[in-house]
Amino acid sequence: MKEENEELILHNRLKVVRAEKNLTQGNLAALVGVSRQTIGSIETGQFNPTAKLALLLCIALDKTFEELFYF
C-alpha cells in the first residue's frame, strides 16, 4: 500500500507508439482534437490527459489504455 504522501504517477508510451504509427505530434493532435503542444506535454509527463482524451488517444492509436498508460 502506498504511503499517503506518495503520488501515483501516470506514465505513458505515447511517443513510442506514435512513432511506430509514423505520426507526428501534429498529426496525432489533429486526430484527437487538441494542440500539438498538448501531445508534447503528455509525452513528457507534464500533463495528464483527461479520461476522454486518453480514450481518444487509445482509439486513434489502436491501443488499449493499458498499452499506452501505466503507473
N, C-alpha and C. Protein backbone atom coordinates (compact mmCIF):
# COMPACT_ATOMS: atom_id res chain seq x y z
N MET A 1 0.84 -1.18 0.00
CA MET A 1 0.00 0.00 0.00
C MET A 1 0.88 1.24 0.00
N LYS A 2 0.48 2.24 -0.76
CA LYS A 2 1.26 3.47 -0.88
C LYS A 2 1.14 4.31 0.39
N GLU A 3 2.24 5.00 0.70
CA GLU A 3 2.19 5.98 1.78
C GLU A 3 1.25 7.10 1.36
N GLU A 4 0.67 7.78 2.33
CA GLU A 4 -0.27 8.85 2.00
C GLU A 4 0.37 9.97 1.19
N ASN A 5 1.66 10.24 1.43
CA ASN A 5 2.29 11.37 0.74
C ASN A 5 2.90 10.97 -0.61
N GLU A 6 2.84 9.70 -0.97
CA GLU A 6 3.35 9.26 -2.27
C GLU A 6 2.25 9.43 -3.32
N GLU A 7 2.65 9.97 -4.47
CA GLU A 7 1.69 10.14 -5.55
C GLU A 7 1.80 8.99 -6.54
N LEU A 8 0.67 8.62 -7.09
CA LEU A 8 0.68 7.69 -8.21
C LEU A 8 0.94 8.53 -9.45
N ILE A 9 2.00 8.22 -10.15
CA ILE A 9 2.37 8.99 -11.33
C ILE A 9 1.98 8.19 -12.57
N LEU A 10 1.18 8.81 -13.41
CA LEU A 10 0.75 8.16 -14.65
C LEU A 10 1.82 8.35 -15.72
N HIS A 11 2.39 7.26 -16.17
CA HIS A 11 3.39 7.28 -17.23
C HIS A 11 2.71 6.86 -18.53
N ASN A 12 3.38 7.11 -19.65
CA ASN A 12 2.77 6.69 -20.92
C ASN A 12 3.83 6.31 -21.94
N ARG A 13 3.39 5.56 -22.93
CA ARG A 13 4.23 5.14 -24.06
C ARG A 13 3.79 5.86 -25.33
N LEU A 14 3.19 7.03 -25.17
CA LEU A 14 2.61 7.74 -26.30
C LEU A 14 3.62 8.04 -27.39
N LYS A 15 4.79 8.53 -27.01
CA LYS A 15 5.80 8.90 -28.02
C LYS A 15 6.24 7.70 -28.84
N VAL A 16 6.47 6.58 -28.16
CA VAL A 16 6.92 5.36 -28.84
C VAL A 16 5.85 4.85 -29.80
N VAL A 17 4.63 4.76 -29.30
CA VAL A 17 3.53 4.23 -30.13
C VAL A 17 3.24 5.18 -31.29
N ARG A 18 3.28 6.48 -31.03
CA ARG A 18 3.06 7.46 -32.10
C ARG A 18 4.10 7.29 -33.20
N ALA A 19 5.36 7.12 -32.80
CA ALA A 19 6.44 6.93 -33.78
C ALA A 19 6.25 5.64 -34.57
N GLU A 20 5.81 4.58 -33.89
CA GLU A 20 5.56 3.30 -34.58
C GLU A 20 4.49 3.45 -35.65
N LYS A 21 3.54 4.36 -35.43
CA LYS A 21 2.46 4.60 -36.38
C LYS A 21 2.84 5.67 -37.41
N ASN A 22 4.09 6.15 -37.35
CA ASN A 22 4.59 7.19 -38.26
C ASN A 22 3.74 8.46 -38.22
N LEU A 23 3.34 8.85 -37.02
CA LEU A 23 2.57 10.07 -36.84
C LEU A 23 3.43 11.13 -36.16
N THR A 24 3.28 12.38 -36.59
CA THR A 24 3.92 13.48 -35.88
C THR A 24 3.01 13.88 -34.71
N GLN A 25 3.54 14.69 -33.82
CA GLN A 25 2.70 15.21 -32.74
C GLN A 25 1.52 15.97 -33.33
N GLY A 26 1.78 16.72 -34.38
CA GLY A 26 0.71 17.48 -35.03
C GLY A 26 -0.36 16.61 -35.65
N ASN A 27 0.07 15.51 -36.29
CA ASN A 27 -0.89 14.56 -36.88
C ASN A 27 -1.80 13.98 -35.80
N LEU A 28 -1.19 13.52 -34.71
CA LEU A 28 -1.96 12.91 -33.62
C LEU A 28 -2.88 13.94 -32.97
N ALA A 29 -2.37 15.14 -32.78
CA ALA A 29 -3.17 16.21 -32.19
C ALA A 29 -4.42 16.47 -33.03
N ALA A 30 -4.25 16.52 -34.34
CA ALA A 30 -5.39 16.76 -35.24
C ALA A 30 -6.41 15.62 -35.15
N LEU A 31 -5.92 14.40 -35.01
CA LEU A 31 -6.83 13.24 -34.92
C LEU A 31 -7.71 13.29 -33.68
N VAL A 32 -7.16 13.80 -32.57
CA VAL A 32 -7.91 13.78 -31.31
C VAL A 32 -8.44 15.15 -30.90
N GLY A 33 -8.15 16.19 -31.70
CA GLY A 33 -8.75 17.49 -31.44
C GLY A 33 -8.08 18.33 -30.36
N VAL A 34 -6.77 18.20 -30.22
CA VAL A 34 -6.02 19.03 -29.27
C VAL A 34 -4.85 19.67 -30.00
N SER A 35 -4.08 20.50 -29.29
CA SER A 35 -2.92 21.14 -29.92
C SER A 35 -1.71 20.21 -29.91
N ARG A 36 -0.76 20.51 -30.77
CA ARG A 36 0.49 19.76 -30.80
C ARG A 36 1.19 19.89 -29.45
N GLN A 37 1.09 21.07 -28.84
CA GLN A 37 1.72 21.29 -27.54
C GLN A 37 1.13 20.38 -26.46
N THR A 38 -0.16 20.11 -26.55
CA THR A 38 -0.79 19.21 -25.58
C THR A 38 -0.21 17.81 -25.71
N ILE A 39 -0.05 17.33 -26.93
CA ILE A 39 0.54 16.00 -27.15
C ILE A 39 1.96 15.97 -26.59
N GLY A 40 2.73 17.02 -26.86
CA GLY A 40 4.10 17.10 -26.34
C GLY A 40 4.12 17.08 -24.82
N SER A 41 3.21 17.80 -24.20
CA SER A 41 3.15 17.85 -22.73
C SER A 41 2.76 16.51 -22.13
N ILE A 42 1.89 15.78 -22.80
CA ILE A 42 1.52 14.44 -22.33
C ILE A 42 2.73 13.51 -22.46
N GLU A 43 3.41 13.57 -23.59
CA GLU A 43 4.56 12.69 -23.83
C GLU A 43 5.67 12.91 -22.80
N THR A 44 5.87 14.14 -22.37
CA THR A 44 6.94 14.43 -21.40
C THR A 44 6.48 14.32 -19.96
N GLY A 45 5.21 13.99 -19.75
CA GLY A 45 4.71 13.81 -18.39
C GLY A 45 4.36 15.11 -17.68
N GLN A 46 4.34 16.22 -18.40
CA GLN A 46 3.98 17.50 -17.78
C GLN A 46 2.48 17.65 -17.62
N PHE A 47 1.72 16.84 -18.35
CA PHE A 47 0.26 16.95 -18.35
C PHE A 47 -0.33 15.56 -18.44
N ASN A 48 -1.31 15.27 -17.58
CA ASN A 48 -2.03 14.01 -17.67
C ASN A 48 -3.34 14.25 -18.42
N PRO A 49 -3.63 13.42 -19.41
CA PRO A 49 -4.86 13.63 -20.17
C PRO A 49 -6.09 13.32 -19.34
N THR A 50 -7.19 13.95 -19.71
CA THR A 50 -8.47 13.60 -19.10
C THR A 50 -8.82 12.17 -19.54
N ALA A 51 -9.80 11.59 -18.89
CA ALA A 51 -10.24 10.24 -19.28
C ALA A 51 -10.71 10.24 -20.74
N LYS A 52 -11.42 11.30 -21.13
CA LYS A 52 -11.92 11.39 -22.51
C LYS A 52 -10.77 11.46 -23.51
N LEU A 53 -9.78 12.30 -23.22
CA LEU A 53 -8.64 12.43 -24.13
C LEU A 53 -7.84 11.14 -24.17
N ALA A 54 -7.66 10.49 -23.03
CA ALA A 54 -6.94 9.22 -23.00
C ALA A 54 -7.65 8.19 -23.89
N LEU A 55 -8.97 8.15 -23.81
CA LEU A 55 -9.75 7.23 -24.65
C LEU A 55 -9.58 7.56 -26.13
N LEU A 56 -9.64 8.85 -26.47
CA LEU A 56 -9.45 9.26 -27.86
C LEU A 56 -8.06 8.88 -28.37
N LEU A 57 -7.05 9.03 -27.53
CA LEU A 57 -5.69 8.64 -27.91
C LEU A 57 -5.61 7.13 -28.16
N CYS A 58 -6.24 6.36 -27.30
CA CYS A 58 -6.26 4.90 -27.47
C CYS A 58 -6.92 4.52 -28.79
N ILE A 59 -8.03 5.16 -29.10
CA ILE A 59 -8.74 4.86 -30.34
C ILE A 59 -7.88 5.26 -31.54
N ALA A 60 -7.32 6.46 -31.49
CA ALA A 60 -6.52 6.96 -32.62
C ALA A 60 -5.30 6.10 -32.88
N LEU A 61 -4.72 5.54 -31.81
CA LEU A 61 -3.50 4.74 -31.95
C LEU A 61 -3.77 3.24 -31.96
N ASP A 62 -5.06 2.86 -31.88
CA ASP A 62 -5.48 1.46 -31.89
C ASP A 62 -4.78 0.66 -30.79
N LYS A 63 -4.79 1.22 -29.59
CA LYS A 63 -4.18 0.57 -28.43
C LYS A 63 -5.16 0.59 -27.27
N THR A 64 -4.98 -0.35 -26.34
CA THR A 64 -5.78 -0.32 -25.11
C THR A 64 -5.16 0.70 -24.16
N PHE A 65 -5.93 1.08 -23.14
CA PHE A 65 -5.42 2.01 -22.13
C PHE A 65 -4.14 1.46 -21.51
N GLU A 66 -4.15 0.18 -21.20
CA GLU A 66 -3.00 -0.46 -20.54
C GLU A 66 -1.76 -0.48 -21.43
N GLU A 67 -1.97 -0.48 -22.74
CA GLU A 67 -0.84 -0.46 -23.67
C GLU A 67 -0.21 0.93 -23.76
N LEU A 68 -0.99 1.97 -23.49
CA LEU A 68 -0.48 3.34 -23.58
C LEU A 68 -0.07 3.94 -22.24
N PHE A 69 -0.81 3.61 -21.19
CA PHE A 69 -0.60 4.24 -19.89
C PHE A 69 -0.31 3.23 -18.80
N TYR A 70 0.53 3.62 -17.84
CA TYR A 70 0.84 2.74 -16.71
C TYR A 70 1.31 3.58 -15.53
N PHE A 71 1.21 3.00 -14.33
CA PHE A 71 1.67 3.68 -13.11
C PHE A 71 3.02 3.18 -12.71
